[in-house]
Amino acid sequence: MILVYGLGRSGLGVLRFLKRRGMPARFYDDRPKEEEVAEALALGFSPDWGLEGTYAEVVAAPGVPLTHPHLEALRARGARVLGEAELAYRLSETPIVGITGTAGKTSTTLFTAHLLQGQGLKALPGGNVDPPLVEVVDQAEVAVAELSSFQLERVHAFRPRVAVLLNLGVDHLDRHGSLEAYHAAKLNLLKNLTPEDAVVYNLEDPKVRKAAEATPARPYPFLPQASPRETNLEAALQATRAYLDLLGRPLEEKALRESLKTLPEPPHRFQVFARKGQVVFIDDSIATRTPAVAAALRAAPAPIAWILGGEDKGADLLSLKALLPRVRVILAIGRDGPRMVEALGEGVEVVVIGEKEGRKALKRAVEEALKRLEAGSVLLAPLGASFDQFRDYQDRARAFREAVFALGGEPWTPPSS
């Protein structure tokens, strides 16, 4: 029997995946939401609220730390903990292109799927980017999976046909405990590669290069380009070439040129989506690393009402102090928002948003921002992870947009040239 631990986007996807295979399972969630429980029940699965059952395997949602006391207790009783990537690999024959790195995963995943589609393949993106990997593997000729360290720390036999390793920086230290543990989770992407697989890797990142060149997989190195977007595109091009090589197919250059004209853009990455008078609203919910937040603070129209907070991942806040002159007010949300603001020091007004429920917190943050701005921008660039108040960064983005439109924001359209 399988226990699906944690509902939300990933857990419900796993239950649907198991339902299609006629496999029995039960479910549990620390903070069950009525609508999610109702969906799980409608699929024909029952809960185990007391965690009293005996399970061979526990499929744990990525937001649940492996050190969670419940998971440790289940392991002590003989259960093996895995994630949706492992489950998808084990129960589906669809080949997987797996993509990870500290930065650039989402863009590279979307670009790779798009380029492979242009080559005539039914390539579908999933994983850390919507939808879950288990939702696409049954429909795709090849699944292109964005894989976070949270997902990769719970793989065992998982073996992508093409592994893409973009970079190894600093992130999620709150979750993994050390930089070494974080990097080790990322490098699980490579651990089962064979000479029949391919590895796409950043030639200028010494840790990436060392790890990639130690595998038996066919090497497809790439060099960073002038911008992050161009770098991610170069990685996607190499991943596309690598997969076509595995199929014994040539790259169709004319089709590639057409695909490059219509590249997709990642959702919730510095998107101006609404305005109210002379104030614009910017959704950068995906910005949970210092470089991304710094770029957002430089690009957003000043004065800025900056919505900051969530679960602190060990981010460097001091390097953002030089950008505070562009900020009119910081709205501190979530579990660690107030403490994160303290690390920035004085020099800007701070409003601590005390509401615990995420949607209420963001609505209050937008209200406080509009009290202080006649022009400029309200920027959601939280730097923190979302799991304290939301299912994921996309749920946080939706809540922000709902709040803006509820308070009179109107859809933004680019000025005509």
Protein backbone atom coordinates (compact mmCIF):
# COMPACT_ATOMS: atom_id res chain seq x y z
CA MET A 1 0.00 0.00 0.00
CA ILE A 2 1.15 3.54 -0.83
CA LEU A 3 0.59 6.59 1.35
CA VAL A 4 0.44 9.94 -0.45
CA TYR A 5 1.71 12.42 2.14
CA GLY A 6 0.64 15.97 1.30
CA LEU A 7 -2.11 16.93 -1.13
CA GLY A 8 -1.92 20.19 -3.08
CA ARG A 9 -0.79 20.25 -6.69
CA SER A 10 1.72 17.42 -6.39
CA GLY A 11 -0.20 15.07 -4.11
CA LEU A 12 -3.45 15.29 -6.04
CA GLY A 13 -1.50 14.72 -9.24
CA VAL A 14 0.00 11.57 -7.71
CA LEU A 15 -3.47 10.32 -6.69
CA ARG A 16 -4.79 10.85 -10.22
CA PHE A 17 -1.73 9.04 -11.59
CA LEU A 18 -2.33 6.07 -9.27
CA LYS A 19 -6.06 6.09 -10.07
CA ARG A 20 -5.30 5.68 -13.79
CA ARG A 21 -3.30 2.58 -12.92
CA GLY A 22 -5.86 1.13 -10.55
CA MET A 23 -3.37 1.22 -7.69
CA PRO A 24 -4.57 1.47 -4.07
CA ALA A 25 -3.38 4.27 -1.82
CA ARG A 26 -4.37 6.37 1.15
CA PHE A 27 -3.61 10.02 1.80
CA TYR A 28 -2.67 12.41 4.57
CA ASP A 29 -2.03 16.15 4.86
CA ASP A 30 -0.80 18.18 7.83
CA ARG A 31 -3.01 21.13 6.86
CA PRO A 32 -5.84 19.63 4.83
CA LYS A 33 -7.89 21.96 2.66
CA GLU A 34 -11.54 21.05 2.31
CA GLU A 35 -11.60 21.24 -1.48
CA GLU A 36 -8.44 19.11 -1.83
CA VAL A 37 -9.73 16.44 0.53
CA ALA A 38 -13.01 16.41 -1.41
CA GLU A 39 -11.12 15.83 -4.67
CA ALA A 40 -9.06 13.01 -3.16
CA LEU A 41 -12.23 11.35 -1.84
CA ALA A 42 -13.96 11.76 -5.21
CA LEU A 43 -11.05 9.89 -6.81
CA GLY A 44 -11.88 6.95 -4.57
CA PHE A 45 -9.06 7.23 -2.02
CA SER A 46 -9.51 7.34 1.75
CA PRO A 47 -7.51 9.30 4.33
CA ASP A 48 -5.36 7.95 7.13
CA TRP A 49 -5.56 10.86 9.55
CA GLY A 50 -4.01 8.83 12.35
CA LEU A 51 -1.14 7.52 10.21
CA GLU A 52 -1.89 4.10 11.61
CA GLY A 53 -1.53 2.06 8.41
CA THR A 54 1.45 0.02 7.31
CA TYR A 55 3.01 1.29 4.09
CA ALA A 56 5.75 0.00 1.85
CA GLU A 57 6.15 3.41 0.24
CA VAL A 58 5.31 7.00 1.05
CA VAL A 59 5.10 9.50 -1.82
CA ALA A 60 5.85 12.77 -0.04
CA ALA A 61 5.05 16.14 -1.61
CA PRO A 62 8.15 18.31 -2.18
CA GLY A 63 7.02 20.82 0.43
CA VAL A 64 7.33 18.20 3.18
CA PRO A 65 10.90 18.04 4.56
CA LEU A 66 12.45 14.58 4.73
CA THR A 67 13.19 15.33 8.38
CA HIS A 68 9.50 15.77 9.19
CA PRO A 69 8.78 13.67 12.32
CA HIS A 70 5.94 11.85 10.56
CA LEU A 71 8.18 10.81 7.68
CA GLU A 72 10.88 9.71 10.09
CA ALA A 73 8.33 7.62 12.00
CA LEU A 74 7.02 6.05 8.78
CA ARG A 75 10.60 5.20 7.72
CA ALA A 76 11.23 3.61 11.11
CA ARG A 77 8.22 1.37 10.44
CA GLY A 78 9.72 0.20 7.15
CA ALA A 79 8.35 2.67 4.60
CA ARG A 80 10.51 4.02 1.78
CA VAL A 81 10.02 7.74 1.10
CA LEU A 82 10.02 8.90 -2.50
CA GLY A 83 8.66 11.73 -4.61
CA GLU A 84 6.58 12.15 -7.74
CA ALA A 85 9.62 12.14 -10.05
CA GLU A 86 10.64 8.69 -8.81
CA LEU A 87 7.05 7.45 -9.09
CA ALA A 88 6.65 8.79 -12.63
CA TYR A 89 9.93 7.22 -13.72
CA ARG A 90 9.13 3.89 -12.14
CA LEU A 91 5.56 3.48 -13.43
CA SER A 92 5.80 5.08 -16.88
CA GLU A 93 7.87 4.17 -19.92
CA THR A 94 7.93 7.77 -21.19
CA PRO A 95 11.51 9.07 -21.49
CA ILE A 96 12.33 12.10 -19.36
CA VAL A 97 14.55 15.12 -19.92
CA GLY A 98 15.40 16.25 -16.37
CA ILE A 99 16.47 19.84 -15.72
CA THR A 100 17.85 21.33 -12.53
CA GLY A 101 20.07 24.15 -11.28
CA THR A 102 19.95 26.97 -8.79
CA ALA A 103 18.70 29.43 -11.42
CA GLY A 104 17.10 29.13 -14.83
CA LYS A 105 15.22 25.83 -14.43
CA THR A 106 11.79 27.07 -15.44
CA SER A 107 12.89 28.94 -18.56
CA THR A 108 15.11 26.08 -19.70
CA THR A 109 12.31 23.57 -19.17
CA LEU A 110 9.78 25.59 -21.14
CA PHE A 111 12.29 26.36 -23.90
CA THR A 112 13.33 22.70 -24.23
CA ALA A 113 9.76 21.42 -24.46
CA HIS A 114 8.95 24.13 -27.03
CA LEU A 115 11.99 23.34 -29.20
CA LEU A 116 11.29 19.60 -29.10
CA GLN A 117 7.68 20.28 -30.08
CA GLY A 118 8.99 22.24 -33.05
CA GLN A 119 10.93 19.13 -34.07
CA GLY A 120 7.68 17.19 -34.28
CA LEU A 121 7.72 15.52 -30.86
CA LYS A 122 4.91 15.56 -28.33
CA ALA A 123 7.09 17.03 -25.58
CA LEU A 124 5.28 18.24 -22.47
CA PRO A 125 6.78 20.26 -19.59
CA GLY A 126 6.01 19.40 -15.98
CA GLY A 127 7.43 18.86 -12.52
CA ASN A 128 8.31 21.89 -10.45
CA VAL A 129 6.65 23.94 -13.20
CA ASP A 130 2.92 23.30 -13.75
CA PRO A 131 1.60 20.67 -14.22
CA PRO A 132 3.11 17.94 -12.00
CA LEU A 133 5.33 15.45 -13.82
CA VAL A 134 2.87 12.64 -13.08
CA GLU A 135 0.23 14.59 -15.02
CA VAL A 136 2.22 14.67 -18.26
CA VAL A 137 4.15 11.40 -18.52
CA ASP A 138 1.12 9.43 -19.68
CA GLN A 139 0.37 11.91 -22.46
CA ALA A 140 3.85 12.76 -23.73
CA GLU A 141 6.32 11.18 -26.13
CA VAL A 142 8.96 12.81 -23.97
CA ALA A 143 8.42 14.59 -20.65
CA VAL A 144 10.57 17.64 -19.88
CA ALA A 145 10.82 17.88 -16.10
CA GLU A 146 11.88 20.87 -14.05
CA LEU A 147 13.30 19.33 -10.87
CA SER A 148 13.94 21.18 -7.64
CA SER A 149 16.30 20.06 -4.90
CA PHE A 150 13.19 19.18 -2.86
CA GLN A 151 12.15 16.73 -5.58
CA LEU A 152 15.63 15.38 -6.23
CA GLU A 153 16.39 14.65 -2.57
CA ARG A 154 13.75 11.90 -2.74
CA VAL A 155 14.77 10.01 -5.88
CA HIS A 156 16.34 6.55 -5.88
CA ALA A 157 16.40 4.81 -9.28
CA PHE A 158 15.32 7.91 -11.26
CA ARG A 159 17.20 8.12 -14.54
CA PRO A 160 16.50 10.82 -17.12
CA ARG A 161 17.57 10.12 -20.70
CA VAL A 162 18.92 13.68 -20.86
CA ALA A 163 20.09 15.36 -17.65
CA VAL A 164 20.54 19.14 -17.74
CA LEU A 165 22.60 20.72 -14.94
CA LEU A 166 22.62 24.50 -15.24
CA ASN A 167 24.52 25.78 -12.19
CA LEU A 168 25.13 25.17 -8.50
CA GLY A 169 24.71 28.28 -6.38
CA VAL A 170 23.36 29.10 -2.91
CA ASP A 171 19.72 28.39 -2.07
CA HIS A 172 17.43 26.54 0.33
CA LEU A 173 19.95 26.45 3.17
CA ASP A 174 17.05 26.55 5.62
CA ARG A 175 15.78 23.27 4.22
CA HIS A 176 18.96 21.32 3.48
CA GLY A 177 21.06 22.59 6.38
CA SER A 178 24.25 23.18 4.40
CA LEU A 179 25.44 24.11 0.93
CA GLU A 180 26.96 20.65 0.55
CA ALA A 181 23.63 18.94 1.26
CA TYR A 182 21.81 21.25 -1.16
CA HIS A 183 24.31 20.52 -3.93
CA ALA A 184 24.16 16.79 -3.18
CA ALA A 185 20.39 16.85 -3.67
CA LYS A 186 20.80 18.60 -7.02
CA LEU A 187 23.44 16.12 -8.14
CA ASN A 188 21.06 13.21 -7.59
CA LEU A 189 19.91 14.07 -11.12
CA LEU A 190 23.12 12.50 -12.41
CA LYS A 191 23.60 9.51 -10.15
CA ASN A 192 21.96 6.85 -12.34
CA LEU A 193 23.08 7.99 -15.80
CA THR A 194 24.50 5.40 -18.21
CA PRO A 195 26.53 5.63 -21.44
CA GLU A 196 23.20 5.52 -23.30
CA ASP A 197 22.11 8.81 -21.74
CA ALA A 198 23.25 12.40 -22.23
CA VAL A 199 24.32 15.14 -19.84
CA VAL A 200 24.02 18.82 -20.71
CA TYR A 201 26.11 21.00 -18.42
CA ASN A 202 27.55 24.45 -17.81
CA LEU A 203 31.21 24.30 -18.75
CA GLU A 204 32.11 27.39 -16.68
CA ASP A 205 30.71 26.18 -13.35
CA PRO A 206 33.54 24.09 -11.87
CA LYS A 207 31.30 22.01 -9.58
CA VAL A 208 28.87 21.32 -12.40
CA ARG A 209 31.66 20.41 -14.80
CA LYS A 210 33.34 18.06 -12.34
CA ALA A 211 30.09 16.25 -11.55
CA ALA A 212 28.95 15.99 -15.18
CA GLU A 213 32.27 14.78 -16.51
CA ALA A 214 32.39 12.08 -13.85
CA THR A 215 29.27 10.44 -15.30
CA PRO A 216 29.38 7.89 -18.14
CA ALA A 217 26.75 9.85 -20.09
CA ARG A 218 27.42 11.50 -23.45
CA PRO A 219 28.63 15.09 -22.79
CA TYR A 220 26.88 18.16 -24.21
CA PRO A 221 28.58 21.17 -22.59
CA PHE A 222 27.39 24.74 -23.06
CA LEU A 223 28.85 28.15 -22.24
CA PRO A 224 26.97 30.95 -20.46
CA GLN A 225 25.78 33.69 -22.80
CA ALA A 226 25.31 37.45 -22.45
CA SER A 227 22.09 37.20 -20.41
CA PRO A 228 20.39 34.58 -18.25
CA ARG A 229 17.67 34.11 -20.88
CA GLU A 230 20.23 33.47 -23.62
CA THR A 231 22.09 31.06 -21.34
CA ASN A 232 18.92 29.14 -20.62
CA LEU A 233 18.13 29.03 -24.33
CA GLU A 234 21.62 27.69 -25.11
CA ALA A 235 21.10 24.92 -22.54
CA ALA A 236 17.71 24.14 -24.09
CA LEU A 237 19.27 23.95 -27.55
CA GLN A 238 21.87 21.49 -26.29
CA ALA A 239 19.17 19.42 -24.56
CA THR A 240 17.17 19.34 -27.79
CA ARG A 241 20.21 18.24 -29.81
CA ALA A 242 21.07 15.62 -27.20
CA TYR A 243 17.61 14.07 -27.22
CA LEU A 244 17.41 14.03 -31.01
CA ASP A 245 20.84 12.38 -31.11
CA LEU A 246 19.57 9.66 -28.78
CA LEU A 247 16.71 9.10 -31.21
CA GLY A 248 19.11 9.08 -34.17
CA ARG A 249 17.36 12.07 -35.70
CA PRO A 250 18.96 15.20 -37.19
CA LEU A 251 18.01 18.65 -35.96
CA GLU A 252 15.70 20.32 -38.48
CA GLU A 253 17.20 23.81 -38.77
CA LYS A 254 14.21 25.42 -40.51
CA ALA A 255 11.84 24.18 -37.82
CA LEU A 256 14.27 25.42 -35.16
CA ARG A 257 14.30 28.93 -36.64
CA GLU A 258 10.50 28.99 -36.51
CA SER A 259 10.46 27.78 -32.90
CA LEU A 260 12.88 30.51 -31.84
CA LYS A 261 10.37 33.13 -32.98
CA THR A 262 7.73 31.94 -30.52
CA LEU A 263 9.59 31.05 -27.32
CA PRO A 264 7.33 30.87 -24.24
CA GLU A 265 7.85 33.07 -21.22
CA PRO A 266 7.80 31.65 -17.68
CA PRO A 267 4.75 32.60 -15.63
CA HIS A 268 5.02 34.86 -12.57
CA ARG A 269 8.45 36.17 -13.50
CA PHE A 270 8.44 39.97 -13.38
CA GLN A 271 5.07 40.28 -15.09
CA VAL A 272 3.38 43.67 -15.07
CA PHE A 273 -0.25 42.58 -14.98
CA ALA A 274 -2.37 45.44 -13.60
CA ARG A 275 -2.48 49.14 -12.85
CA LYS A 276 -4.48 51.52 -10.71
CA GLY A 277 -4.02 55.12 -11.72
CA GLN A 278 -0.26 55.68 -11.97
CA VAL A 279 0.62 52.59 -9.90
CA VAL A 280 1.51 49.34 -11.66
CA PHE A 281 1.50 45.88 -10.10
CA ILE A 282 4.31 43.42 -10.79
CA ASP A 283 4.12 39.69 -10.13
CA ASP A 284 7.57 38.24 -9.54
CA SER A 285 6.44 35.50 -7.17
CA ILE A 286 9.09 33.16 -8.57
CA ALA A 287 11.84 35.53 -7.31
CA THR A 288 13.10 33.66 -4.26
CA ARG A 289 16.84 34.21 -4.76
CA THR A 290 18.81 37.37 -4.10
CA PRO A 291 19.98 38.00 -7.71
CA ALA A 292 16.41 37.70 -9.02
CA VAL A 293 15.06 40.06 -6.36
CA ALA A 294 17.86 42.55 -6.99
CA ALA A 295 17.04 42.54 -10.71
CA ALA A 296 13.36 43.14 -9.91
CA LEU A 297 14.14 46.05 -7.57
CA ARG A 298 16.28 47.64 -10.28
CA ALA A 299 13.65 47.20 -12.99
CA ALA A 300 10.43 48.10 -11.16
CA PRO A 301 9.27 51.72 -11.47
CA ALA A 302 10.14 53.71 -8.34
CA PRO A 303 8.92 54.40 -5.75
CA ILE A 304 8.35 50.74 -4.97
CA ALA A 305 6.11 49.08 -2.42
CA TRP A 306 8.01 45.82 -1.99
CA ILE A 307 6.19 42.74 -0.69
CA LEU A 308 8.82 40.59 1.02
CA GLY A 309 8.68 37.42 3.10
CA GLY A 310 7.59 33.83 3.47
CA GLU A 311 9.97 31.11 4.59
CA ASP A 312 13.53 32.45 4.66
CA LYS A 313 15.80 30.15 2.66
CA GLY A 314 19.02 31.63 4.02
CA ALA A 315 19.12 34.40 1.44
CA ASP A 316 21.69 37.19 1.40
CA LEU A 317 19.77 40.35 2.31
CA LEU A 318 22.69 42.69 2.93
CA SER A 319 23.50 42.94 -0.77
CA LEU A 320 20.02 44.39 -1.37
CA LYS A 321 20.54 47.40 0.92
CA ALA A 322 22.01 49.49 -1.89
CA LEU A 323 18.66 49.28 -3.71
CA LEU A 324 16.55 50.52 -0.79
CA PRO A 325 16.55 54.16 -2.01
CA ARG A 326 14.19 52.94 -4.75
CA VAL A 327 11.78 51.51 -2.13
CA ARG A 328 9.05 53.59 -0.50
CA VAL A 329 7.80 50.86 1.86
CA ILE A 330 8.44 47.19 2.59
CA LEU A 331 5.40 45.03 3.34
CA ALA A 332 6.66 42.09 5.42
CA ILE A 333 4.53 38.97 5.10
CA GLY A 334 4.63 35.38 6.26
CA ARG A 335 6.59 33.49 8.85
CA ASP A 336 9.96 35.16 8.34
CA GLY A 337 9.12 38.48 6.70
CA PRO A 338 9.60 40.57 9.87
CA ARG A 339 12.97 38.96 10.62
CA MET A 340 14.13 39.34 7.02
CA VAL A 341 13.36 43.06 7.18
CA GLU A 342 15.48 43.40 10.32
CA ALA A 343 18.48 42.10 8.39
CA LEU A 344 18.09 45.00 5.94
CA GLY A 345 18.51 47.55 8.72
CA GLU A 346 16.88 50.97 8.89
CA GLY A 347 16.30 53.51 6.15
CA VAL A 348 12.90 52.57 4.77
CA GLU A 349 9.39 52.35 6.18
CA VAL A 350 8.29 48.83 7.11
CA VAL A 351 4.77 47.53 7.63
CA VAL A 352 4.54 44.10 9.20
CA ILE A 353 1.50 42.26 7.87
CA GLY A 354 0.31 40.13 10.75
CA GLU A 355 -2.42 38.13 9.00
CA LYS A 356 -1.52 34.44 9.07
CA GLU A 357 -3.72 33.35 6.16
CA GLY A 358 -1.94 34.02 2.90
CA ARG A 359 -4.72 35.59 0.87
CA LYS A 360 -5.69 37.93 3.69
CA ALA A 361 -2.05 38.88 4.14
CA LEU A 362 -1.57 39.82 0.50
CA LYS A 363 -4.80 41.79 0.37
CA ARG A 364 -3.73 43.77 3.42
CA ALA A 365 -0.27 44.30 1.88
CA VAL A 366 -1.80 45.72 -1.30
CA GLU A 367 -4.09 47.97 0.76
CA GLU A 368 -1.11 49.34 2.73
CA ALA A 369 0.86 49.86 -0.48
CA LEU A 370 -1.92 51.87 -2.11
CA LYS A 371 -2.18 54.13 0.95
CA ARG A 372 1.44 55.20 0.35
CA LEU A 373 1.78 55.35 -3.44
CA GLU A 374 0.36 57.78 -5.97
CA ALA A 375 2.71 56.49 -8.65
CA GLY A 376 5.34 53.80 -8.95
CA SER A 377 4.88 50.06 -8.46
CA VAL A 378 3.74 47.37 -6.07
CA LEU A 379 6.24 44.54 -6.45
CA LEU A 380 5.79 40.99 -5.20
CA ALA A 381 9.39 39.73 -5.12
CA PRO A 382 9.24 37.76 -1.89
CA LEU A 383 12.73 36.24 -1.60
CA GLY A 384 11.17 33.65 0.73
CA ALA A 385 9.59 30.30 -0.11
CA SER A 386 5.81 30.17 -0.16
CA PHE A 387 4.97 27.06 1.84
CA ASP A 388 4.18 28.83 5.12
CA GLN A 389 1.06 30.46 3.62
CA PHE A 390 0.51 28.99 0.14
CA ARG A 391 0.67 25.72 -1.78
CA ASP A 392 3.51 27.03 -3.95
CA TYR A 393 4.79 30.21 -5.60
CA GLN A 394 2.04 29.97 -8.24
CA ASP A 395 -0.67 29.90 -5.58
CA ARG A 396 1.00 32.94 -4.01
CA ALA A 397 0.96 34.70 -7.39
CA ARG A 398 -2.72 33.95 -7.89
CA ALA A 399 -3.50 35.30 -4.42
CA PHE A 400 -1.61 38.51 -5.20
CA ARG A 401 -3.48 39.02 -8.46
CA GLU A 402 -6.82 38.30 -6.81
CA ALA A 403 -6.06 40.94 -4.16
CA VAL A 404 -5.05 43.54 -6.73
CA PHE A 405 -8.19 43.11 -8.83
CA ALA A 406 -10.41 43.01 -5.72
CA LEU A 407 -8.99 46.41 -4.73
CA GLY A 408 -9.68 48.10 -8.05
CA GLY A 409 -6.73 47.16 -10.19
CA GLU A 410 -7.36 47.00 -13.91
CA PRO A 411 -5.62 44.71 -16.40
CA TRP A 412 -2.44 46.26 -17.75
CA THR A 413 -1.82 46.50 -21.45
CA PRO A 414 1.50 47.58 -22.94
CA PRO A 415 1.48 51.11 -24.41
CA SER A 416 1.14 51.09 -28.18
CA SER A 417 4.27 52.01 -30.07
